Amino acid sequence: MRNLDRTYVAEVGADNARLLATESRTAVLAREYRPKDLGDGRISLNALALGASRELGEEEDGAITEDAEGLRIWVGDDAYELVVTDIGN
C-alpha cells in the first residue's frame, strides 16, 4: 500500500470525532485535507489530511505526534492511537 493510499483511523469518542471533523482548524480545509467522522466515535484521515494535521501546533485539537508510542492524534490533553486500515475515505 502506497503512503497516499493509506487511511488512518482512531477511536476518539463521538464528541471528539464531531469536534475534529467540524471545528478543528483543519475542518475548514478542502474535503481531502480534513478528518472524516466515521460515526461510532471514530475518525479517519487520508494521507493528505494526516499531513495537514501534522502542521497544527501541539496545543491545537487534531495535532499529530509520532514517537516510540506510535502515531497519535490529540484532543485536549488526550492522545488517541491512529492505525492504518484499508477502509476507504
Protein backbone atom coordinates (compact mmCIF):
# COMPACT_ATOMS: atom_id res chain seq x y z
CA MET A 1 0.00 0.00 0.00
CA ARG A 2 1.47 3.38 -1.02
CA ASN A 3 1.54 6.16 1.58
CA LEU A 4 -1.00 8.22 -0.39
CA ASP A 5 -3.39 5.25 -0.42
CA ARG A 6 -3.35 4.77 3.34
CA THR A 7 -6.21 5.64 5.65
CA TYR A 8 -5.61 6.22 9.35
CA VAL A 9 -8.37 5.58 11.89
CA ALA A 10 -8.65 6.46 15.57
CA GLU A 11 -11.33 5.80 18.15
CA VAL A 12 -11.72 9.20 19.82
CA GLY A 13 -15.31 9.17 21.08
CA ALA A 14 -18.37 10.71 19.44
CA ASP A 15 -17.89 14.25 20.78
CA ASN A 16 -14.21 14.37 19.80
CA ALA A 17 -14.92 12.91 16.35
CA ARG A 18 -17.52 15.61 15.74
CA LEU A 19 -15.14 18.32 17.01
CA LEU A 20 -12.27 17.17 14.80
CA ALA A 21 -14.48 16.87 11.71
CA THR A 22 -16.33 20.17 12.12
CA GLU A 23 -14.50 22.54 14.48
CA SER A 24 -10.75 21.89 14.29
CA ARG A 25 -8.56 24.19 12.23
CA THR A 26 -8.25 21.52 9.52
CA ALA A 27 -12.06 21.12 9.35
CA VAL A 28 -12.29 24.26 7.18
CA LEU A 29 -9.88 22.96 4.54
CA ALA A 30 -10.87 21.21 1.32
CA ARG A 31 -12.52 17.83 1.93
CA GLU A 32 -9.42 15.79 1.16
CA TYR A 33 -7.42 17.65 3.83
CA ARG A 34 -9.78 17.26 6.79
CA PRO A 35 -10.65 14.48 9.24
CA LYS A 36 -13.78 12.49 8.50
CA ASP A 37 -16.25 11.46 11.21
CA LEU A 38 -17.00 7.78 10.59
CA GLY A 39 -19.62 7.53 13.33
CA ASP A 40 -19.37 5.35 16.43
CA GLY A 41 -16.70 7.69 17.82
CA ARG A 42 -14.18 7.02 15.05
CA ILE A 43 -12.40 9.39 12.69
CA SER A 44 -10.36 8.73 9.59
CA LEU A 45 -7.66 10.70 7.88
CA ASN A 46 -6.20 10.02 4.46
CA ALA A 47 -2.54 10.82 3.81
CA LEU A 48 -3.35 14.42 2.81
CA ALA A 49 -5.44 15.03 5.93
CA LEU A 50 -2.71 13.47 8.07
CA GLY A 51 -0.18 15.86 6.53
CA ALA A 52 -2.42 18.87 7.18
CA SER A 53 -2.94 17.79 10.79
CA ARG A 54 0.82 17.42 11.26
CA GLU A 55 1.08 21.18 10.62
CA LEU A 56 -1.05 22.00 13.67
CA GLY A 57 0.63 23.25 16.81
CA GLU A 58 0.89 20.78 19.67
CA GLU A 59 -1.69 22.74 21.69
CA GLU A 60 -4.34 22.52 18.93
CA ASP A 61 -7.03 19.86 18.75
CA GLY A 62 -6.16 17.43 15.97
CA ALA A 63 -2.39 17.76 16.34
CA ILE A 64 -0.43 14.65 15.32
CA THR A 65 2.58 13.21 17.09
CA GLU A 66 4.71 10.24 16.18
CA ASP A 67 7.18 8.77 18.63
CA ALA A 68 8.11 5.48 20.27
CA GLU A 69 4.49 5.13 21.43
CA GLY A 70 3.21 5.33 17.85
CA LEU A 71 1.20 7.70 15.68
CA ARG A 72 -1.37 9.63 17.72
CA ILE A 73 -3.94 12.40 17.31
CA TRP A 74 -4.59 14.76 20.22
CA VAL A 75 -7.77 16.33 21.54
CA GLY A 76 -7.05 18.48 24.56
CA ASP A 77 -4.73 16.50 26.84
CA ASP A 78 -5.84 13.12 25.45
CA ALA A 79 -3.99 11.18 22.76
CA TYR A 80 -5.60 8.54 20.56
CA GLU A 81 -3.73 5.97 18.53
CA LEU A 82 -4.05 6.20 14.75
CA VAL A 83 -3.88 2.86 12.98
CA VAL A 84 -3.50 2.17 9.27
CA THR A 85 -6.57 0.48 7.82
CA ASP A 86 -7.84 -0.46 4.41
CA ILE A 87 -11.23 1.26 4.63
CA GLY A 88 -11.65 3.97 2.03
CA ASN A 89 -12.11 7.65 2.82
